[in-house]
Amino acid sequence: MHEHQVIILGAGASGICMGIRLLQAGIDDFLILEQSPAPGGTWHDNAYPGACCDIASHLYSFSFEPRADWSRVYAPQPEIRSYLQHCVDKYGLSAHIQYNRRVQRAAFDEAAGRWIVGLADGEELACRCLVSAVGQLNQPRIPAFAGAETFAGASFHAARWDHSFSLEGKRVAVVGNAASAIQFIPRVAAEASRVYVYQRSANYIVPREDRAYSAAERERFQRSPRRLKLSRLYWFLRQELFLFGAMFDGSLRQQLVRRAARLHLEAQVRDPALRRALTPDYPLGCKRILVSDDYYPSLNRDNVELVTSAILGMNTDGLLTEDGVSRPVDVVIYGTGFHATDILSTLDVRGRGQRLLADVWADGAWAHRGVGVPGFPNLFMLYGPNTNLGHNSIIYMIESQAAYILQCIDKLLVHNLRTLEPNADKAAQQDAALQDALARTVWGGQCGSWYKTASGRITNNWPYSALRYRWRMRRPEFSEYDMEA
């Protein structure tokens, strides 16, 4: 059985960042296991037409590897995937990554102080430290509609886009109208003969104000690292000072963002009935605030119809709705998001006493500072529970976590510890305080979102500013940990 000091699960942005930081710290005995044939994580999987980032390019990149030649203010998916491949190549990560390796289970061997990682092909690997870089948005969610098996047409999820299927002249049903859907619907509408957009609830959408960078601008960014840093700082402060706070009901910033969303809707949709259907009936920020310049205009097209009647099921022709209408289509595209609260649910992870992580998280995922769980020694998570943001760059959060985890790994290796894990009482105290803070945000209200479980526990989001998370994660307080030599 091959053994490494560190095994990282996933070669998305989180895994790449962690790998680079390990190499920079002189720790080179590590392995990254990636189930896909290439790096990129969500930016490898989500290759649907129009896929792009909601965070400005200069901010959605590693601080230690800035890119000056982004083509647009908001980078499209191929450029982000290319950027992540560039990071792999530049920092020599390729020798540490194994692709097409699907991990099925991981169990902690208490006697040896090692994690045993089992792969789908039957191989087992061992490591002193296990780092999950699987993230939150990796399991596509497809509704279980009654009669779905009888549908005669094609169907696929946006995160598994079938590029071999031509939409030209086709009748298309799009189920969902959130972050991914509002990006691909304009492209689908320009190609298909008919598009039905099935909306369960309206979204708050603000202008993206995207544009291409001119050649002169890109040259100036390349010539002046200081200018590039100032641009990154501008976008960070814009997100922190303007959008953060919108999740507090009744706040001035919430009112300002709501007004921006209303004016955007009024400017782009002139039909009063359509505008009413696109107006949310819940507090801004309860669900993810979306950004788009071209979604609303696509709904004004003659070949696009917004359907707000609830879906009852499917038949041979397409979808059946409560209004009694069956709209025949050739393909159903699911823009229905992910099983976001089911973090690490595809893996059988067992800690002390072979206790299953899924059982510990039966009431919802949680982790000490978002990175560790009592009873699961030497296990660390990137983009784990309660580290998602509704207002700023997740790359910034990932860097904060990677720096923190690196210090924990260093503590383990330098002091030759057998185990390091969060103290159960102190972790529970911090989690209670975190949930109390989350309850005071708009996410704690009655509207549903992918941020919380069916029972109402908010498992995904961080309730404070990104800067506050960076400060909290600047160094581990090892008094919060139990250690065994």
Protein backbone atom coordinates (compact mmCIF):
# COMPACT_ATOMS: atom_id res chain seq x y z
CA MET A 1 0.00 0.00 0.00
CA HIS A 2 1.46 3.34 -1.06
CA GLU A 3 1.64 5.92 1.72
CA HIS A 4 1.91 9.71 1.50
CA GLN A 5 2.12 12.45 4.05
CA VAL A 6 -0.92 14.17 2.51
CA ILE A 7 -3.68 13.08 0.13
CA ILE A 8 -5.93 15.75 -1.36
CA LEU A 9 -9.33 14.83 -2.81
CA GLY A 10 -10.07 16.95 -5.89
CA ALA A 11 -8.08 19.04 -8.36
CA GLY A 12 -10.37 22.06 -8.55
CA ALA A 13 -9.34 25.50 -7.36
CA SER A 14 -9.20 24.31 -3.73
CA GLY A 15 -7.03 21.28 -4.39
CA ILE A 16 -4.73 23.24 -6.68
CA CYS A 17 -4.28 25.98 -4.08
CA MET A 18 -3.54 23.45 -1.34
CA GLY A 19 -1.05 21.61 -3.52
CA ILE A 20 0.82 24.78 -4.39
CA ARG A 21 0.98 25.85 -0.75
CA LEU A 22 2.35 22.44 0.26
CA LEU A 23 5.10 22.68 -2.35
CA GLN A 24 5.95 26.21 -1.28
CA ALA A 25 6.28 24.94 2.31
CA GLY A 26 8.68 22.20 1.22
CA ILE A 27 6.15 19.38 1.63
CA ASP A 28 6.33 17.38 -1.58
CA ASP A 29 5.12 13.94 -0.46
CA PHE A 30 1.48 14.43 -1.39
CA LEU A 31 -0.99 13.16 -3.93
CA ILE A 32 -4.07 14.80 -5.47
CA LEU A 33 -6.80 12.38 -6.57
CA GLU A 34 -9.17 13.75 -9.24
CA GLN A 35 -12.12 11.81 -10.64
CA SER A 36 -12.25 13.85 -13.88
CA PRO A 37 -9.74 13.56 -16.73
CA ALA A 38 -8.43 17.12 -16.19
CA PRO A 39 -8.12 19.75 -13.45
CA GLY A 40 -10.61 22.53 -12.85
CA GLY A 41 -13.33 21.06 -10.66
CA THR A 42 -16.56 22.95 -11.20
CA TRP A 43 -14.91 24.87 -14.07
CA HIS A 44 -14.21 21.58 -15.80
CA ASP A 45 -17.71 20.20 -15.22
CA ASN A 46 -19.77 23.30 -15.99
CA ALA A 47 -19.02 23.82 -19.66
CA TYR A 48 -22.51 24.87 -20.73
CA PRO A 49 -22.92 27.71 -23.28
CA GLY A 50 -22.44 31.10 -21.65
CA ALA A 51 -20.82 29.76 -18.48
CA CYS A 52 -18.89 32.50 -16.72
CA CYS A 53 -18.03 33.79 -13.26
CA ASP A 54 -20.15 36.13 -11.14
CA ILE A 55 -17.02 37.58 -9.54
CA ALA A 56 -14.69 39.89 -11.47
CA SER A 57 -11.73 38.12 -13.10
CA HIS A 58 -9.01 40.02 -11.23
CA LEU A 59 -10.54 38.91 -7.92
CA TYR A 60 -11.45 35.38 -8.97
CA SER A 61 -7.82 34.27 -9.12
CA PHE A 62 -5.11 33.41 -6.64
CA SER A 63 -3.40 36.37 -4.98
CA PHE A 64 -0.03 34.69 -5.54
CA GLU A 65 -0.71 34.07 -9.24
CA PRO A 66 -2.48 37.14 -10.68
CA ARG A 67 -3.43 37.09 -14.35
CA ALA A 68 -3.22 40.33 -16.29
CA ASP A 69 -4.65 39.30 -19.66
CA TRP A 70 -8.23 38.28 -18.84
CA SER A 71 -10.32 39.01 -21.92
CA ARG A 72 -13.30 40.35 -19.99
CA VAL A 73 -14.20 41.91 -16.65
CA TYR A 74 -16.03 38.66 -15.84
CA ALA A 75 -14.11 35.67 -17.16
CA PRO A 76 -15.86 32.99 -19.24
CA GLN A 77 -15.51 29.35 -18.23
CA PRO A 78 -12.85 28.35 -20.81
CA GLU A 79 -10.51 31.07 -19.54
CA ILE A 80 -10.95 30.09 -15.90
CA ARG A 81 -10.31 26.45 -16.72
CA SER A 82 -7.24 27.49 -18.72
CA TYR A 83 -6.03 29.62 -15.80
CA LEU A 84 -6.29 26.69 -13.40
CA GLN A 85 -4.41 24.46 -15.86
CA HIS A 86 -1.75 27.18 -16.07
CA CYS A 87 -1.37 27.09 -12.27
CA VAL A 88 -0.97 23.31 -12.36
CA ASP A 89 1.71 23.58 -15.02
CA LYS A 90 3.61 26.55 -13.60
CA TYR A 91 3.89 25.16 -10.07
CA GLY A 92 4.70 21.60 -11.10
CA LEU A 93 1.57 19.99 -9.75
CA SER A 94 1.13 17.55 -12.62
CA ALA A 95 3.53 15.07 -11.04
CA HIS A 96 1.32 15.02 -7.94
CA ILE A 97 -2.09 14.62 -9.62
CA GLN A 98 -3.71 11.36 -10.69
CA TYR A 99 -6.75 11.80 -12.94
CA ASN A 100 -9.71 9.48 -13.46
CA ARG A 101 -9.32 8.25 -9.88
CA ARG A 102 -12.68 8.00 -8.14
CA VAL A 103 -12.49 7.82 -4.36
CA GLN A 104 -15.24 5.79 -2.69
CA ARG A 105 -14.25 5.66 0.97
CA ALA A 106 -11.82 6.86 3.59
CA ALA A 107 -11.37 5.38 7.06
CA PHE A 108 -9.12 6.45 9.93
CA ASP A 109 -6.89 3.70 11.31
CA GLU A 110 -6.56 4.68 14.98
CA ALA A 111 -3.75 2.24 15.74
CA ALA A 112 -1.57 3.51 12.92
CA GLY A 113 -2.72 7.13 12.97
CA ARG A 114 -3.31 6.95 9.23
CA TRP A 115 -6.17 7.47 6.79
CA ILE A 116 -6.86 4.57 4.43
CA VAL A 117 -8.34 5.82 1.17
CA GLY A 118 -10.19 3.33 -1.04
CA LEU A 119 -10.63 3.92 -4.77
CA ALA A 120 -13.25 2.58 -7.18
CA ASP A 121 -10.68 0.33 -8.87
CA GLY A 122 -9.97 -1.44 -5.60
CA GLU A 123 -6.63 0.20 -4.81
CA GLU A 124 -5.99 1.51 -1.31
CA LEU A 125 -3.69 4.36 -0.34
CA ALA A 126 -2.58 5.60 3.07
CA CYS A 127 -1.76 9.07 4.35
CA ARG A 128 -1.09 10.91 7.58
CA CYS A 129 -3.30 13.85 6.60
CA LEU A 130 -6.39 13.79 4.42
CA VAL A 131 -7.62 17.03 2.82
CA SER A 132 -11.02 17.18 1.15
CA ALA A 133 -11.10 19.69 -1.70
CA VAL A 134 -14.38 18.29 -3.01
CA GLY A 135 -16.34 21.44 -2.25
CA GLN A 136 -20.09 22.03 -2.14
CA LEU A 137 -21.29 22.24 -5.75
CA ASN A 138 -20.36 18.94 -7.36
CA GLN A 139 -23.46 16.70 -7.26
CA PRO A 140 -26.01 17.75 -9.90
CA ARG A 141 -29.58 17.77 -8.67
CA ILE A 142 -32.28 16.44 -11.01
CA PRO A 143 -35.87 16.50 -9.73
CA ALA A 144 -37.61 13.14 -9.57
CA PHE A 145 -40.63 14.00 -11.72
CA ALA A 146 -43.33 11.36 -11.98
CA GLY A 147 -43.31 9.81 -15.44
CA ALA A 148 -39.82 11.05 -16.31
CA GLU A 149 -38.95 7.62 -17.68
CA THR A 150 -41.68 7.93 -20.31
CA PHE A 151 -40.28 11.10 -21.91
CA ALA A 152 -39.29 10.32 -25.50
CA GLY A 153 -36.87 13.22 -25.96
CA ALA A 154 -33.37 13.95 -24.70
CA SER A 155 -32.49 15.37 -21.29
CA PHE A 156 -29.38 16.44 -19.41
CA HIS A 157 -28.23 18.63 -16.51
CA ALA A 158 -26.41 21.89 -17.21
CA ALA A 159 -23.35 20.62 -15.32
CA ARG A 160 -23.26 17.60 -17.66
CA TRP A 161 -24.05 19.44 -20.87
CA ASP A 162 -24.43 17.21 -23.92
CA HIS A 163 -22.43 19.11 -26.55
CA SER A 164 -23.17 16.41 -29.13
CA PHE A 165 -26.86 17.35 -29.07
CA SER A 166 -27.71 20.20 -31.45
CA LEU A 167 -30.35 22.63 -30.21
CA GLU A 168 -30.81 24.24 -33.59
CA GLY A 169 -34.51 24.34 -34.43
CA LYS A 170 -35.40 22.27 -31.37
CA ARG A 171 -38.15 22.80 -28.83
CA VAL A 172 -36.49 23.13 -25.43
CA ALA A 173 -37.77 23.01 -21.86
CA VAL A 174 -35.48 24.59 -19.29
CA VAL A 175 -36.28 23.56 -15.73
CA GLY A 176 -34.91 26.18 -13.36
CA ASN A 177 -33.95 29.83 -13.65
CA ALA A 178 -31.10 30.38 -11.21
CA ALA A 179 -27.37 31.08 -11.59
CA SER A 180 -26.51 28.58 -14.34
CA ALA A 181 -29.82 28.82 -16.19
CA ILE A 182 -29.72 32.59 -16.62
CA GLN A 183 -26.34 32.18 -18.29
CA PHE A 184 -27.26 29.50 -20.82
CA ILE A 185 -30.88 30.48 -21.56
CA PRO A 186 -29.90 33.46 -23.77
CA ARG A 187 -27.65 31.16 -25.83
CA VAL A 188 -30.30 28.45 -26.07
CA ALA A 189 -32.96 31.00 -27.06
CA ALA A 190 -30.81 32.23 -29.94
CA GLU A 191 -30.54 28.70 -31.36
CA ALA A 192 -33.74 26.84 -30.52
CA SER A 193 -37.08 27.28 -32.27
CA ARG A 194 -39.00 27.37 -28.99
CA VAL A 195 -37.91 27.67 -25.35
CA TYR A 196 -40.08 27.17 -22.27
CA VAL A 197 -38.48 28.44 -19.06
CA TYR A 198 -40.06 26.75 -16.03
CA GLN A 199 -39.70 29.10 -13.07
CA ARG A 200 -40.45 27.95 -9.53
CA SER A 201 -39.65 31.34 -7.96
CA ALA A 202 -38.39 34.64 -9.32
CA ASN A 203 -34.87 35.84 -8.60
CA TYR A 204 -33.34 39.17 -7.72
CA ILE A 205 -31.05 39.99 -10.64
CA VAL A 206 -28.68 42.96 -10.79
CA PRO A 207 -26.69 44.15 -13.83
CA ARG A 208 -23.40 42.40 -14.49
CA GLU A 209 -22.07 45.31 -16.55
CA ASP A 210 -19.64 42.98 -18.22
CA ARG A 211 -17.43 44.13 -21.06
CA ALA A 212 -14.29 43.12 -22.90
CA TYR A 213 -10.96 44.54 -21.78
CA SER A 214 -9.29 46.46 -24.57
CA ALA A 215 -5.83 45.48 -25.77
CA ALA A 216 -4.50 48.70 -24.23
CA GLU A 217 -6.04 47.86 -20.84
CA ARG A 218 -4.58 44.37 -20.85
CA GLU A 219 -1.18 45.77 -21.79
CA ARG A 220 -1.34 48.26 -18.91
CA PHE A 221 -2.22 45.50 -16.44
CA GLN A 222 0.68 43.39 -17.75
CA ARG A 223 3.09 46.28 -17.56
CA SER A 224 2.05 47.41 -14.08
CA PRO A 225 1.59 44.80 -11.33
CA ARG A 226 0.56 47.65 -9.05
CA ARG A 227 -2.34 48.56 -11.33
CA LEU A 228 -3.45 44.93 -11.32
CA LYS A 229 -3.34 44.82 -7.51
CA LEU A 230 -5.36 48.02 -7.29
CA SER A 231 -7.97 46.54 -9.61
CA ARG A 232 -8.18 43.44 -7.40
CA LEU A 233 -8.49 45.62 -4.30
CA TYR A 234 -11.21 47.71 -5.94
CA TRP A 235 -13.34 44.65 -6.72
CA PHE A 236 -12.75 43.18 -3.26
CA LEU A 237 -13.82 46.37 -1.48
CA ARG A 238 -16.76 46.81 -3.84
CA GLN A 239 -18.06 43.39 -2.89
CA GLU A 240 -17.27 43.75 0.84
CA LEU A 241 -18.66 47.26 1.29
CA PHE A 242 -21.67 47.13 -1.03
CA LEU A 243 -23.00 43.58 -1.31
CA PHE A 244 -22.06 42.41 2.17
CA GLY A 245 -24.86 43.54 4.44
CA ALA A 246 -27.58 42.90 1.87
CA MET A 247 -28.32 39.66 3.70
CA PHE A 248 -29.47 41.60 6.76
CA ASP A 249 -33.19 42.28 6.35
CA GLY A 250 -34.07 45.96 6.42
CA SER A 251 -30.49 47.20 6.07
CA LEU A 252 -29.67 50.17 3.87
CA ARG A 253 -27.49 48.04 1.63
CA GLN A 254 -30.31 45.56 1.18
CA GLN A 255 -32.60 48.39 0.13
CA LEU A 256 -30.00 49.73 -2.32
CA VAL A 257 -29.43 46.34 -3.95
CA ARG A 258 -33.18 45.69 -4.11
CA ARG A 259 -33.66 49.06 -5.83
CA ALA A 260 -30.89 48.23 -8.32
CA ALA A 261 -32.60 44.90 -9.08
CA ARG A 262 -36.00 46.57 -9.53
CA LEU A 263 -34.64 49.24 -11.87
CA HIS A 264 -32.82 46.57 -13.87
CA LEU A 265 -36.03 44.59 -14.28
CA GLU A 266 -38.04 47.68 -15.26
CA ALA A 267 -35.44 48.77 -17.80
CA GLN A 268 -35.22 45.40 -19.55
CA VAL A 269 -38.77 44.01 -19.32
CA ARG A 270 -41.59 46.22 -20.58
CA ASP A 271 -44.49 43.75 -20.46
CA PRO A 272 -46.28 44.39 -17.12
CA ALA A 273 -47.49 40.79 -16.76
CA LEU A 274 -44.03 39.35 -17.43
CA ARG A 275 -42.48 41.87 -15.07
CA ARG A 276 -44.87 40.82 -12.29
CA ALA A 277 -43.97 37.17 -12.86
CA LEU A 278 -40.28 38.05 -12.56
CA THR A 279 -40.68 40.02 -9.32
CA PRO A 280 -39.60 38.04 -6.22
CA ASP A 281 -41.98 37.76 -3.26
CA TYR A 282 -39.32 37.15 -0.60
CA PRO A 283 -36.60 39.31 1.04
CA LEU A 284 -33.54 40.06 -1.07
CA GLY A 285 -30.59 37.86 -0.22
CA CYS A 286 -32.65 34.94 1.07
CA LYS A 287 -31.77 33.16 -2.15
CA ARG A 288 -28.62 33.85 -4.14
CA ILE A 289 -28.55 37.30 -5.75
CA LEU A 290 -27.90 36.81 -9.46
CA VAL A 291 -26.09 38.97 -11.99
CA SER A 292 -26.88 39.16 -15.71
CA ASP A 293 -27.06 41.63 -18.57
CA ASP A 294 -28.84 39.40 -21.09
CA TYR A 295 -31.25 37.09 -19.24
CA TYR A 296 -34.21 39.48 -19.13
CA PRO A 297 -33.85 40.46 -22.82
CA SER A 298 -33.94 36.77 -23.77
CA LEU A 299 -37.37 36.46 -22.13
CA ASN A 300 -38.67 39.24 -24.40
CA ARG A 301 -38.06 37.08 -27.47
CA ASP A 302 -41.07 35.75 -29.38
CA ASN A 303 -39.77 32.17 -29.15
CA VAL A 304 -39.41 32.20 -25.36
CA GLU A 305 -42.20 31.60 -22.84
CA LEU A 306 -41.92 31.89 -19.07
CA VAL A 307 -43.96 29.17 -17.34
CA THR A 308 -44.78 29.79 -13.69
CA SER A 309 -47.33 27.00 -13.22
CA ALA A 310 -45.90 24.22 -11.03
CA ILE A 311 -44.63 21.05 -12.70
CA LEU A 312 -46.76 18.00 -11.88
CA GLY A 313 -44.77 15.42 -13.85
CA MET A 314 -43.73 14.29 -17.30
CA ASN A 315 -45.18 12.32 -20.20
CA THR A 316 -43.96 11.21 -23.60
CA ASP A 317 -44.03 14.75 -24.99
CA GLY A 318 -42.61 16.78 -22.13
CA LEU A 319 -43.68 18.41 -18.87
CA LEU A 320 -47.15 18.56 -17.33
CA THR A 321 -48.05 21.60 -15.23
CA GLU A 322 -50.83 22.52 -12.83
CA ASP A 323 -52.49 24.75 -15.42
CA GLY A 324 -53.33 21.57 -17.35
CA VAL A 325 -51.00 22.33 -20.24
CA SER A 326 -48.55 19.84 -21.73
CA ARG A 327 -45.95 21.62 -23.84
CA PRO A 328 -44.27 19.22 -26.30
CA VAL A 329 -40.47 19.52 -26.44
CA ASP A 330 -37.51 17.72 -27.94
CA VAL A 331 -35.17 18.15 -24.98
CA VAL A 332 -35.33 18.99 -21.28
CA ILE A 333 -32.37 20.86 -19.78
CA TYR A 334 -32.12 20.87 -16.02
CA GLY A 335 -30.75 24.06 -14.53
CA THR A 336 -31.68 22.81 -11.09
CA GLY A 337 -28.42 23.25 -9.23
CA PHE A 338 -26.73 20.81 -6.91
CA HIS A 339 -27.21 18.80 -3.74
CA ALA A 340 -25.29 21.58 -2.02
CA THR A 341 -26.08 20.69 1.58
CA ASP A 342 -25.05 17.04 1.10
CA ILE A 343 -21.37 17.78 1.56
CA LEU A 344 -19.11 14.73 1.08
CA SER A 345 -22.20 12.52 0.91
CA THR A 346 -20.86 10.50 -2.03
CA LEU A 347 -17.98 9.21 0.12
CA ASP A 348 -18.02 6.71 2.96
CA VAL A 349 -15.90 8.63 5.50
CA ARG A 350 -15.28 6.98 8.89
CA GLY A 351 -13.41 8.47 11.83
CA ARG A 352 -12.70 7.22 15.34
CA GLY A 353 -14.51 4.00 16.15
CA GLN A 354 -15.43 3.78 12.46
CA ARG A 355 -18.11 6.39 13.06
CA LEU A 356 -19.66 7.50 9.78
CA LEU A 357 -19.37 11.21 8.94
CA ALA A 358 -22.84 11.08 7.38
CA ASP A 359 -24.23 10.04 10.79
CA VAL A 360 -22.42 12.88 12.56
CA TRP A 361 -23.92 15.23 9.98
CA ALA A 362 -27.40 13.68 10.04
CA ASP A 363 -28.89 17.05 11.04
CA GLY A 364 -26.69 19.02 8.63
CA ALA A 365 -23.00 19.41 7.88
CA TRP A 366 -20.84 21.51 10.20
CA ALA A 367 -17.14 21.88 10.86
CA HIS A 368 -14.88 23.73 13.26
CA ARG A 369 -13.89 26.94 11.48
CA GLY A 370 -15.17 25.23 8.34
CA VAL A 371 -12.18 22.87 8.14
CA GLY A 372 -12.30 20.11 10.79
CA VAL A 373 -14.69 17.76 12.62
CA PRO A 374 -14.21 16.31 16.12
CA GLY A 375 -13.75 12.56 15.98
CA PHE A 376 -12.09 12.72 12.57
CA PRO A 377 -8.40 13.28 13.29
CA ASN A 378 -6.04 14.65 10.65
CA LEU A 379 -8.96 15.39 8.31
CA PHE A 380 -9.25 18.89 6.87
CA MET A 381 -11.70 20.45 4.44
CA LEU A 382 -11.47 23.22 1.89
CA TYR A 383 -14.71 25.00 0.93
CA GLY A 384 -16.32 23.02 3.72
CA PRO A 385 -19.48 23.74 5.73
CA ASN A 386 -20.34 27.40 6.38
CA THR A 387 -17.54 28.81 4.22
CA ASN A 388 -19.60 29.79 1.18
CA LEU A 389 -20.15 33.49 0.49
CA GLY A 390 -23.08 35.35 -0.92
CA HIS A 391 -21.10 38.46 -1.76
CA ASN A 392 -17.40 37.91 -2.48
CA SER A 393 -14.79 35.64 -4.05
CA ILE A 394 -14.63 32.05 -2.84
CA ILE A 395 -10.99 32.00 -3.98
CA TYR A 396 -10.23 34.45 -1.17
CA MET A 397 -11.88 32.08 1.30
CA ILE A 398 -10.01 29.08 -0.11
CA GLU A 399 -6.67 30.83 0.33
CA SER A 400 -7.56 31.59 3.96
CA GLN A 401 -8.41 27.94 4.59
CA ALA A 402 -5.34 26.59 2.78
CA ALA A 403 -3.02 28.78 4.87
CA TYR A 404 -4.74 27.61 8.07
CA ILE A 405 -4.67 23.93 7.09
CA LEU A 406 -1.02 24.18 6.09
CA GLN A 407 -0.18 25.31 9.63
CA CYS A 408 -2.11 22.35 11.03
CA ILE A 409 -0.28 19.93 8.74
CA ASP A 410 3.03 21.51 9.68
CA LYS A 411 2.17 21.04 13.37
CA LEU A 412 1.45 17.37 12.74
CA LEU A 413 4.59 16.70 10.76
CA VAL A 414 7.12 18.83 12.64
CA HIS A 415 6.00 17.59 16.06
CA ASN A 416 5.43 14.08 14.73
CA LEU A 417 1.93 13.99 16.17
CA ARG A 418 -0.20 10.91 15.68
CA THR A 419 -3.47 12.85 15.73
CA LEU A 420 -4.75 16.42 15.65
CA GLU A 421 -8.49 17.13 15.81
CA PRO A 422 -10.85 19.87 17.02
CA ASN A 423 -11.92 19.59 20.65
CA ALA A 424 -15.58 18.55 20.68
CA ASP A 425 -16.75 21.03 23.33
CA LYS A 426 -14.97 24.04 21.86
CA ALA A 427 -16.08 23.15 18.34
CA ALA A 428 -19.70 22.83 19.51
CA GLN A 429 -19.51 26.22 21.24
CA GLN A 430 -18.21 27.91 18.11
CA ASP A 431 -20.80 26.19 15.93
CA ALA A 432 -23.62 27.36 18.25
CA ALA A 433 -22.35 30.93 18.03
CA LEU A 434 -22.11 30.65 14.25
CA GLN A 435 -25.66 29.33 13.91
CA ASP A 436 -26.91 32.11 16.17
CA ALA A 437 -25.27 34.68 13.88
CA LEU A 438 -26.73 32.97 10.81
CA ALA A 439 -30.21 33.05 12.34
CA ARG A 440 -29.99 36.85 12.38
CA THR A 441 -29.41 37.01 8.63
CA VAL A 442 -32.08 36.89 5.95
CA TRP A 443 -31.10 33.24 5.35
CA GLY A 444 -32.67 32.40 8.70
CA GLY A 445 -36.09 33.39 7.37
CA GLN A 446 -38.82 31.21 5.96
CA CYS A 447 -37.84 31.14 2.29
CA GLY A 448 -36.03 28.04 1.08
CA SER A 449 -32.62 28.07 -0.59
CA TRP A 450 -29.72 25.76 -1.32
CA TYR A 451 -27.99 27.29 1.69
CA LYS A 452 -29.90 25.23 4.24
CA THR A 453 -31.32 21.77 4.86
CA ALA A 454 -34.98 20.78 4.91
CA SER A 455 -34.87 21.07 8.71
CA GLY A 456 -33.72 24.68 8.42
CA ARG A 457 -30.05 24.37 9.42
CA ILE A 458 -27.87 26.72 7.37
CA THR A 459 -24.96 24.51 6.32
CA ASN A 460 -23.29 26.45 3.54
CA ASN A 461 -22.88 30.15 4.25
CA TRP A 462 -20.57 32.30 6.35
CA PRO A 463 -22.54 35.11 8.09
CA TYR A 464 -19.79 37.70 8.27
CA SER A 465 -17.45 39.50 5.89
CA ALA A 466 -14.72 37.68 3.97
CA LEU A 467 -12.15 39.87 5.73
CA ARG A 468 -13.40 38.67 9.10
CA TYR A 469 -12.95 35.06 8.01
CA ARG A 470 -9.38 35.81 6.89
CA TRP A 471 -8.64 37.34 10.30
CA ARG A 472 -10.12 34.34 12.16
CA MET A 473 -8.10 31.94 10.02
CA ARG A 474 -4.77 33.77 10.19
CA ARG A 475 -3.41 31.07 12.51
CA PRO A 476 -4.79 28.02 14.33
CA GLU A 477 -5.49 28.32 18.05
CA PHE A 478 -4.17 24.93 19.02
CA SER A 479 -5.85 25.24 22.42
CA GLU A 480 -9.01 24.44 20.42
CA TYR A 481 -7.50 21.09 19.37
CA ASP A 482 -6.83 17.73 20.96
CA MET A 483 -3.42 16.26 20.11
CA GLU A 484 -1.82 12.86 20.57
CA ALA A 485 1.88 12.21 20.18
